[in-house]
Amino acid sequence: MKKIVQINSVCNGSTGKIMSDIAKKAQELGHQTYCFFGRGNPKKDINCIKIETKFEFLLHALIARLGFNGRGSFLATKRLVKKLKKINPDVIHLHNIHGYYINLKVLFNYLKKEYRGKIIWTLHDCWTFTGHCAYFTISKCEKWKTNCKKCPNLKAYPREIIDRTKKEYKLKKELFTGLNNITIITPSKWLMGLVKESFLKDYEIKVVNNGINLDIFKPTYDEKIYEKYNIPKDKKIILGVANVWEERKGLNDFIKLSKKIDEKKYQIVLVGTNKKIDSLIPKKIISINRTDNQIELAKIYSISTILFNPTYEDNYPTINLEAQACGLPVLTYKTGGCPEQVPVNNIVKKNTNDIMKKINEKLECKILKNNSEQFINKYLEEYEKWEYYFLQKYPHHIE
């Protein structure tokens, strides 16, 4: 039995689900698991421990606006380290450590100077090796390869009003390099390629594609879905799904597309909306608020004609996998790891004429064996590898 700690900004959402799925499987195998998180609500079926109070989170978010991201939450991270020392985990698995809940110096001083177990770090975006941003695709910035400064992306998450990216980059490089027995894992080949150009390039880097539950995401036709969401049966459904709809997820592209389509033939349906999004989109677009019910989502995929995922910045989006597993072809841009997920013919240019042309074509699904259990097992295999390393380097560490 091993003691496994995972650390992530949230327990829910896409990265939170990855963390919780790994924890559940590890628990089933008899391992002792701890999931530390920064904000939001815990999951009831795993051992979730919140790192900081709401006040500490808000204070950290405030100082981050001033260019000090990762410098708040000092006492909260001290408490976390104290708990880690008490647990003495065999594996510490980092996910997103941005999100205003971790003091980078406190955590990484412990990881470098005191911790003697295995470190896994899954990068869900590019934040780890930049001076500020989680993505730089839209801004086409390459300063991260040498030294960030005069950031063109300050308004993007994590939003800042004062540019201290040169110092942030230097701090990250100092803290994140020189760790012992760490494996970097990326969900896509695209992100692995970027990591190999960054200051993290000397670490072992592996690709583990995100997986989905194929027992849930499969063709699941349910006629009641039409009535529940007032979706017309006599039209072809162009579906859009996002955890958070924003500019980088292509919301404006759907608005433009709604003006281009033949309304007698097509119906646009967006899943994952809220009141703010409803105020921005035309009323002729059917809006379905965010649902955590995956079975319901599979049913929505199953009655649709095509999933259009106009994401401008992304890593390895699971919605592309979910849709295809339900028999729904995916149309997307040449963004991040998306070309690794869909047939070549399903990559579309960023203009409405090309999009409409592709929508009218017969598109195929790419059969991907991204079963969530296989994906989790690859992580568990990585957890097992720590023992050989430390028997060689720290022969008295293991009793």
Protein backbone atom coordinates (compact mmCIF):
# COMPACT_ATOMS: atom_id res chain seq x y z
CA MET A 1 0.00 0.00 0.00
CA LYS A 2 1.22 3.46 -0.91
CA LYS A 3 0.31 6.89 0.37
CA ILE A 4 -0.62 9.05 -2.59
CA VAL A 5 -1.18 12.80 -2.44
CA GLN A 6 -2.65 14.81 -5.30
CA ILE A 7 -2.80 18.62 -5.38
CA ASN A 8 -5.07 20.59 -7.70
CA SER A 9 -6.88 23.92 -7.75
CA VAL A 10 -10.31 22.22 -7.69
CA CYS A 11 -11.97 18.89 -6.94
CA ASN A 12 -14.56 19.29 -9.70
CA GLY A 13 -14.46 20.33 -13.35
CA SER A 14 -12.20 18.69 -15.92
CA THR A 15 -8.93 18.64 -13.96
CA GLY A 16 -10.76 17.92 -10.72
CA LYS A 17 -12.42 14.90 -12.30
CA ILE A 18 -9.04 13.60 -13.48
CA MET A 19 -7.72 13.90 -9.92
CA SER A 20 -10.77 12.26 -8.36
CA ASP A 21 -10.88 9.40 -10.90
CA ILE A 22 -7.25 8.56 -10.14
CA ALA A 23 -7.93 8.71 -6.40
CA LYS A 24 -10.95 6.40 -6.66
CA LYS A 25 -9.01 3.77 -8.61
CA ALA A 26 -6.05 4.01 -6.23
CA GLN A 27 -8.41 3.55 -3.26
CA GLU A 28 -9.94 0.47 -4.89
CA LEU A 29 -6.45 -1.00 -5.13
CA GLY A 30 -5.88 -0.44 -1.41
CA HIS A 31 -3.76 2.72 -1.55
CA GLN A 32 -4.23 5.58 0.89
CA THR A 33 -5.14 8.75 -1.00
CA TYR A 34 -5.35 12.44 -0.15
CA CYS A 35 -6.66 15.11 -2.54
CA PHE A 36 -5.72 18.66 -1.55
CA PHE A 37 -7.54 21.46 -3.39
CA GLY A 38 -7.76 25.23 -3.35
CA ARG A 39 -11.32 26.34 -4.02
CA GLY A 40 -14.83 25.12 -4.69
CA ASN A 41 -16.53 22.15 -3.07
CA PRO A 42 -15.05 18.75 -2.18
CA LYS A 43 -16.19 15.43 -3.57
CA LYS A 44 -17.85 13.17 -1.04
CA ASP A 45 -16.53 9.84 -2.32
CA ILE A 46 -12.80 10.63 -1.97
CA ASN A 47 -10.60 12.13 0.74
CA CYS A 48 -10.67 15.84 -0.24
CA ILE A 49 -8.94 18.42 1.96
CA LYS A 50 -9.29 22.15 1.32
CA ILE A 51 -6.01 24.04 1.61
CA GLU A 52 -7.13 27.57 2.40
CA THR A 53 -10.03 29.70 3.57
CA LYS A 54 -12.13 31.88 1.28
CA PHE A 55 -10.48 34.98 2.73
CA GLU A 56 -6.99 33.62 1.97
CA PHE A 57 -8.09 32.81 -1.59
CA LEU A 58 -9.51 36.31 -2.16
CA LEU A 59 -6.39 37.94 -0.69
CA HIS A 60 -4.15 35.83 -2.95
CA ALA A 61 -6.29 36.71 -5.99
CA LEU A 62 -5.91 40.39 -5.12
CA ILE A 63 -2.12 40.34 -4.81
CA ALA A 64 -1.94 38.25 -7.98
CA ARG A 65 -3.61 41.13 -9.81
CA LEU A 66 -0.63 43.23 -8.76
CA GLY A 67 1.77 40.79 -10.42
CA PHE A 68 2.50 38.54 -7.45
CA ASN A 69 0.79 35.34 -8.58
CA GLY A 70 1.91 32.38 -6.49
CA ARG A 71 3.18 34.61 -3.66
CA GLY A 72 0.07 34.61 -1.47
CA SER A 73 -1.40 31.78 0.63
CA PHE A 74 1.76 31.69 2.76
CA LEU A 75 0.15 30.38 5.96
CA ALA A 76 -2.19 28.07 4.01
CA THR A 77 0.76 26.46 2.23
CA LYS A 78 2.67 26.20 5.50
CA ARG A 79 -0.29 24.24 6.86
CA LEU A 80 -0.27 22.08 3.73
CA VAL A 81 3.44 21.29 4.08
CA LYS A 82 2.93 20.43 7.75
CA LYS A 83 0.26 17.92 6.72
CA LEU A 84 2.47 16.52 3.96
CA LYS A 85 5.28 15.94 6.46
CA LYS A 86 2.87 14.12 8.74
CA ILE A 87 1.50 11.96 5.90
CA ASN A 88 4.98 11.32 4.45
CA PRO A 89 3.54 10.34 1.04
CA ASP A 90 5.25 7.94 -1.34
CA VAL A 91 3.94 9.95 -4.31
CA ILE A 92 2.99 13.61 -4.68
CA HIS A 93 1.05 14.22 -7.87
CA LEU A 94 0.76 17.89 -8.84
CA HIS A 95 -1.92 19.11 -11.24
CA ASN A 96 -2.81 22.81 -11.60
CA ILE A 97 -0.98 24.72 -8.89
CA HIS A 98 -2.14 28.06 -10.24
CA GLY A 99 -5.48 29.37 -9.07
CA TYR A 100 -4.56 31.57 -6.07
CA TYR A 101 -4.14 28.86 -3.44
CA ILE A 102 -0.46 27.83 -3.31
CA ASN A 103 2.61 29.76 -2.23
CA LEU A 104 5.18 28.52 -4.72
CA LYS A 105 8.27 29.17 -2.61
CA VAL A 106 6.90 27.37 0.45
CA LEU A 107 5.77 24.29 -1.49
CA PHE A 108 8.81 23.92 -3.71
CA ASN A 109 11.32 24.54 -0.96
CA TYR A 110 9.77 21.53 0.76
CA LEU A 111 9.76 19.43 -2.43
CA LYS A 112 13.41 20.24 -3.12
CA LYS A 113 14.95 20.15 0.31
CA GLU A 114 12.91 17.68 2.36
CA TYR A 115 10.66 15.45 0.28
CA ARG A 116 12.14 12.09 -0.74
CA GLY A 117 9.28 10.50 -2.67
CA LYS A 118 8.20 10.39 -6.28
CA ILE A 119 6.84 13.57 -7.92
CA ILE A 120 4.42 13.41 -10.84
CA TRP A 121 3.40 16.72 -12.42
CA THR A 122 0.59 16.71 -14.98
CA LEU A 123 0.57 19.90 -17.01
CA HIS A 124 -2.97 20.75 -18.09
CA ASP A 125 -1.84 23.99 -19.78
CA CYS A 126 1.30 26.09 -20.36
CA TRP A 127 1.35 28.16 -17.14
CA THR A 128 4.22 26.21 -15.56
CA PHE A 129 6.84 27.44 -18.02
CA THR A 130 5.64 30.99 -18.76
CA GLY A 131 6.01 34.21 -16.83
CA HIS A 132 2.27 34.61 -16.62
CA CYS A 133 -0.24 33.00 -18.96
CA ALA A 134 -1.80 29.56 -19.25
CA TYR A 135 -1.90 29.81 -23.05
CA PHE A 136 -0.19 32.01 -25.62
CA THR A 137 -1.63 30.68 -28.89
CA ILE A 138 -3.85 33.68 -29.63
CA SER A 139 -1.14 36.23 -28.83
CA LYS A 140 1.45 34.15 -30.76
CA CYS A 141 4.01 34.97 -28.08
CA GLU A 142 7.28 33.01 -27.86
CA LYS A 143 9.03 34.98 -25.11
CA TRP A 144 8.59 32.00 -22.76
CA LYS A 145 11.36 30.20 -24.67
CA THR A 146 13.97 32.64 -23.34
CA ASN A 147 12.66 35.15 -20.82
CA CYS A 148 9.18 36.61 -20.42
CA LYS A 149 8.75 40.38 -20.23
CA LYS A 150 6.33 43.04 -21.50
CA CYS A 151 3.58 40.44 -21.60
CA PRO A 152 0.99 40.90 -24.38
CA ASN A 153 -1.41 38.66 -22.48
CA LEU A 154 -1.80 40.28 -19.05
CA LYS A 155 -5.60 40.41 -19.26
CA ALA A 156 -5.80 36.66 -19.75
CA TYR A 157 -6.05 34.28 -16.78
CA PRO A 158 -4.48 34.68 -14.28
CA ARG A 159 -5.30 38.34 -14.88
CA GLU A 160 -2.74 40.96 -13.80
CA ILE A 161 -2.75 44.75 -13.98
CA ILE A 162 1.00 45.23 -13.34
CA ASP A 163 3.55 43.48 -15.54
CA ARG A 164 6.01 41.57 -13.37
CA THR A 165 6.34 38.70 -15.81
CA LYS A 166 10.13 38.94 -15.99
CA LYS A 167 10.40 38.29 -12.25
CA GLU A 168 7.65 35.66 -12.32
CA TYR A 169 9.45 33.78 -15.08
CA LYS A 170 12.74 33.92 -13.17
CA LEU A 171 11.04 32.69 -9.97
CA LYS A 172 9.34 29.76 -11.73
CA LYS A 173 12.54 28.74 -13.45
CA GLU A 174 14.41 28.83 -10.14
CA LEU A 175 11.76 26.88 -8.22
CA PHE A 176 10.59 24.40 -10.86
CA THR A 177 13.99 23.19 -12.02
CA GLY A 178 16.40 21.01 -10.03
CA LEU A 179 13.77 18.66 -8.59
CA ASN A 180 14.77 15.04 -7.99
CA ASN A 181 12.80 12.10 -9.35
CA ILE A 182 10.11 14.07 -11.12
CA THR A 183 8.19 12.98 -14.20
CA ILE A 184 6.35 15.58 -16.27
CA ILE A 185 3.19 14.25 -17.92
CA THR A 186 1.30 16.03 -20.69
CA PRO A 187 -2.04 14.94 -22.16
CA SER A 188 -0.96 15.79 -25.72
CA LYS A 189 2.08 15.50 -27.97
CA TRP A 190 1.56 19.18 -28.75
CA LEU A 191 2.16 20.22 -25.13
CA MET A 192 5.08 17.81 -24.77
CA GLY A 193 6.72 19.54 -27.73
CA LEU A 194 6.39 22.91 -25.99
CA VAL A 195 7.76 21.57 -22.69
CA LYS A 196 10.81 20.29 -24.55
CA GLU A 197 11.49 23.88 -25.66
CA SER A 198 11.08 25.28 -22.14
CA PHE A 199 13.27 25.40 -19.03
CA LEU A 200 11.66 22.07 -18.01
CA LYS A 201 13.24 20.25 -20.95
CA ASP A 202 15.78 18.31 -18.85
CA TYR A 203 13.08 16.37 -16.99
CA GLU A 204 11.59 13.07 -18.06
CA ILE A 205 8.50 13.98 -20.11
CA LYS A 206 5.75 11.54 -21.08
CA VAL A 207 2.42 11.76 -22.89
CA VAL A 208 -0.63 10.24 -21.20
CA ASN A 209 -3.77 11.10 -23.17
CA ASN A 210 -6.83 12.08 -21.16
CA GLY A 211 -9.43 9.32 -21.05
CA ILE A 212 -13.20 9.17 -20.79
CA ASN A 213 -15.66 6.66 -19.39
CA LEU A 214 -16.74 4.62 -22.41
CA ASP A 215 -19.49 2.98 -20.34
CA ILE A 216 -21.16 6.41 -20.22
CA PHE A 217 -20.03 8.04 -23.45
CA LYS A 218 -21.53 5.80 -26.11
CA PRO A 219 -24.44 6.17 -28.56
CA THR A 220 -27.38 6.78 -26.19
CA TYR A 221 -30.44 7.90 -28.10
CA ASP A 222 -33.23 9.29 -25.94
CA GLU A 223 -36.14 11.02 -27.67
CA LYS A 224 -37.09 12.82 -24.44
CA ILE A 225 -34.05 15.10 -24.83
CA TYR A 226 -35.73 16.91 -27.74
CA GLU A 227 -38.74 17.82 -25.62
CA LYS A 228 -36.75 18.61 -22.48
CA TYR A 229 -34.65 21.30 -24.21
CA ASN A 230 -37.08 22.31 -26.97
CA ILE A 231 -34.75 20.99 -29.66
CA PRO A 232 -36.47 20.56 -33.04
CA LYS A 233 -36.44 16.99 -34.39
CA ASP A 234 -36.60 18.05 -38.02
CA LYS A 235 -33.29 19.99 -38.02
CA LYS A 236 -29.64 19.02 -38.04
CA ILE A 237 -28.09 19.90 -34.69
CA ILE A 238 -24.77 21.77 -34.62
CA LEU A 239 -23.61 21.26 -31.04
CA GLY A 240 -21.15 23.28 -28.98
CA VAL A 241 -19.96 22.21 -25.52
CA ALA A 242 -17.68 24.04 -23.09
CA ASN A 243 -17.01 24.05 -19.37
CA VAL A 244 -16.74 27.86 -19.49
CA TRP A 245 -17.83 29.72 -22.61
CA GLU A 246 -15.47 32.58 -23.41
CA GLU A 247 -13.67 34.15 -26.34
CA ARG A 248 -10.88 31.55 -26.45
CA LYS A 249 -13.48 28.77 -26.59
CA GLY A 250 -14.91 30.28 -29.78
CA LEU A 251 -18.18 31.77 -28.52
CA ASN A 252 -17.99 34.57 -31.09
CA ASP A 253 -17.53 32.00 -33.85
CA PHE A 254 -20.87 30.42 -32.92
CA ILE A 255 -22.53 33.84 -32.97
CA LYS A 256 -21.13 34.46 -36.48
CA LEU A 257 -22.14 30.97 -37.59
CA SER A 258 -25.71 31.53 -36.39
CA LYS A 259 -26.02 34.33 -38.94
CA LYS A 260 -24.73 32.12 -41.74
CA ILE A 261 -26.68 28.87 -41.40
CA ASP A 262 -29.95 27.98 -43.07
CA GLU A 263 -32.33 28.18 -40.11
CA LYS A 264 -34.80 25.83 -41.77
CA LYS A 265 -32.14 23.14 -41.95
CA TYR A 266 -29.84 23.67 -38.95
CA GLN A 267 -30.15 24.40 -35.24
CA ILE A 268 -27.24 25.50 -33.02
CA VAL A 269 -27.29 24.18 -29.45
CA LEU A 270 -24.75 25.33 -26.84
CA VAL A 271 -24.17 23.36 -23.64
CA GLY A 272 -22.41 24.90 -20.61
CA THR A 273 -23.97 28.35 -20.75
CA ASN A 274 -25.16 30.68 -17.98
CA LYS A 275 -27.19 33.89 -17.69
CA LYS A 276 -24.29 36.06 -18.82
CA ILE A 277 -23.72 33.94 -21.94
CA ASP A 278 -27.47 33.92 -22.64
CA SER A 279 -27.39 37.72 -22.77
CA LEU A 280 -24.62 37.64 -25.40
CA ILE A 281 -25.92 35.04 -27.85
CA PRO A 282 -28.87 35.35 -30.28
CA LYS A 283 -32.16 33.89 -29.05
CA LYS A 284 -32.26 31.50 -32.02
CA ILE A 285 -29.36 29.58 -30.41
CA ILE A 286 -30.67 27.02 -27.93
CA SER A 287 -28.88 27.43 -24.61
CA ILE A 288 -28.42 24.58 -22.12
CA ASN A 289 -26.87 25.52 -18.80
CA ARG A 290 -23.89 23.59 -17.53
CA THR A 291 -24.58 20.02 -16.49
CA ASP A 292 -22.40 17.68 -14.45
CA ASN A 293 -24.68 14.81 -15.47
CA GLN A 294 -22.52 12.88 -17.93
CA ILE A 295 -25.31 10.48 -18.92
CA GLU A 296 -27.45 13.48 -19.90
CA LEU A 297 -24.55 14.93 -21.87
CA ALA A 298 -24.08 11.63 -23.72
CA LYS A 299 -27.75 11.78 -24.72
CA ILE A 300 -27.31 15.32 -26.07
CA TYR A 301 -24.28 14.20 -28.10
CA SER A 302 -26.28 11.25 -29.43
CA ILE A 303 -29.13 13.32 -30.93
CA SER A 304 -26.78 15.86 -32.54
CA THR A 305 -25.44 15.91 -36.09
CA ILE A 306 -22.00 17.38 -35.50
CA LEU A 307 -19.91 18.81 -32.66
CA PHE A 308 -18.26 22.08 -33.63
CA ASN A 309 -15.41 22.87 -31.23
CA PRO A 310 -14.01 26.27 -32.31
CA THR A 311 -11.45 26.45 -29.50
CA TYR A 312 -8.55 28.85 -30.04
CA GLU A 313 -6.48 27.70 -27.06
CA ASP A 314 -6.62 24.18 -25.68
CA ASN A 315 -4.56 21.17 -24.70
CA TYR A 316 -6.38 17.85 -25.22
CA PRO A 317 -10.11 18.63 -24.86
CA THR A 318 -12.16 15.69 -23.64
CA ILE A 319 -15.33 16.93 -25.37
CA ASN A 320 -13.80 15.84 -28.69
CA LEU A 321 -13.36 12.35 -27.26
CA GLU A 322 -16.80 12.23 -25.67
CA ALA A 323 -18.60 13.30 -28.84
CA GLN A 324 -16.85 10.77 -31.06
CA ALA A 325 -17.44 7.99 -28.55
CA CYS A 326 -21.16 8.80 -28.92
CA GLY A 327 -20.87 8.51 -32.71
CA LEU A 328 -20.78 12.28 -33.29
CA PRO A 329 -18.20 13.65 -35.78
CA VAL A 330 -16.13 16.59 -34.52
CA LEU A 331 -15.20 19.69 -36.48
CA THR A 332 -12.43 21.76 -34.89
CA TYR A 333 -9.51 24.09 -35.52
CA LYS A 334 -5.82 23.23 -35.67
CA THR A 335 -5.46 24.06 -31.98
CA GLY A 336 -3.25 22.41 -29.36
CA GLY A 337 -3.80 18.66 -29.28
CA CYS A 338 -7.06 18.74 -31.30
CA PRO A 339 -5.40 17.45 -34.52
CA GLU A 340 -4.31 14.37 -32.52
CA GLN A 341 -7.97 13.60 -31.77
CA VAL A 342 -9.87 13.93 -35.04
CA PRO A 343 -9.48 12.86 -38.71
CA VAL A 344 -7.40 15.24 -40.82
CA ASN A 345 -10.43 16.18 -42.91
CA ASN A 346 -12.23 17.42 -39.78
CA ILE A 347 -9.78 20.27 -39.20
CA VAL A 348 -11.34 23.49 -40.45
CA LYS A 349 -10.08 27.01 -41.19
CA LYS A 350 -11.24 29.87 -39.01
CA ASN A 351 -13.84 31.36 -41.36
CA THR A 352 -17.57 30.76 -41.62
CA ASN A 353 -17.54 29.85 -45.32
CA ASP A 354 -15.09 26.98 -44.75
CA ILE A 355 -16.98 25.93 -41.62
CA MET A 356 -20.31 25.74 -43.50
CA LYS A 357 -18.67 23.82 -46.34
CA LYS A 358 -17.32 21.23 -43.88
CA ILE A 359 -20.61 21.00 -42.00
CA ASN A 360 -22.33 20.03 -45.26
CA GLU A 361 -19.75 17.30 -45.92
CA LYS A 362 -19.97 13.78 -44.55
CA LEU A 363 -17.43 13.76 -41.73
CA GLU A 364 -16.05 10.73 -39.92
CA CYS A 365 -15.29 9.94 -36.29
CA LYS A 366 -11.81 8.96 -35.20
CA ILE A 367 -12.00 5.85 -33.05
CA LEU A 368 -9.81 6.54 -30.03
CA LYS A 369 -9.30 3.99 -27.27
CA ASN A 370 -9.16 6.66 -24.60
CA ASN A 371 -10.79 4.58 -21.90
CA SER A 372 -10.56 6.32 -18.53
CA GLU A 373 -9.41 3.12 -16.81
CA GLN A 374 -6.47 2.69 -19.22
CA PHE A 375 -5.53 6.34 -18.73
CA ILE A 376 -5.67 6.01 -14.92
CA ASN A 377 -3.67 2.77 -15.01
CA LYS A 378 -0.84 4.59 -16.78
CA TYR A 379 -0.66 7.01 -13.86
CA LEU A 380 -0.72 4.17 -11.36
CA GLU A 381 2.17 2.55 -13.25
CA GLU A 382 4.12 5.79 -12.85
CA TYR A 383 3.38 5.76 -9.11
CA GLU A 384 4.93 2.29 -8.86
CA LYS A 385 8.23 3.39 -10.42
CA TRP A 386 9.33 5.45 -7.43
CA GLU A 387 10.43 2.44 -5.41
CA TYR A 388 13.27 1.24 -7.65
CA TYR A 389 14.69 4.75 -7.88
CA PHE A 390 14.80 5.30 -4.13
CA LEU A 391 16.16 1.88 -3.28
CA GLN A 392 19.15 2.93 -5.37
CA LYS A 393 19.49 6.53 -4.14
CA TYR A 394 18.03 6.34 -0.62
CA PRO A 395 18.45 2.71 0.52
CA HIS A 396 17.43 3.51 4.11
CA HIS A 397 14.28 5.43 3.16
CA ILE A 398 12.16 2.32 2.58
CA GLU A 399 11.58 0.06 5.54
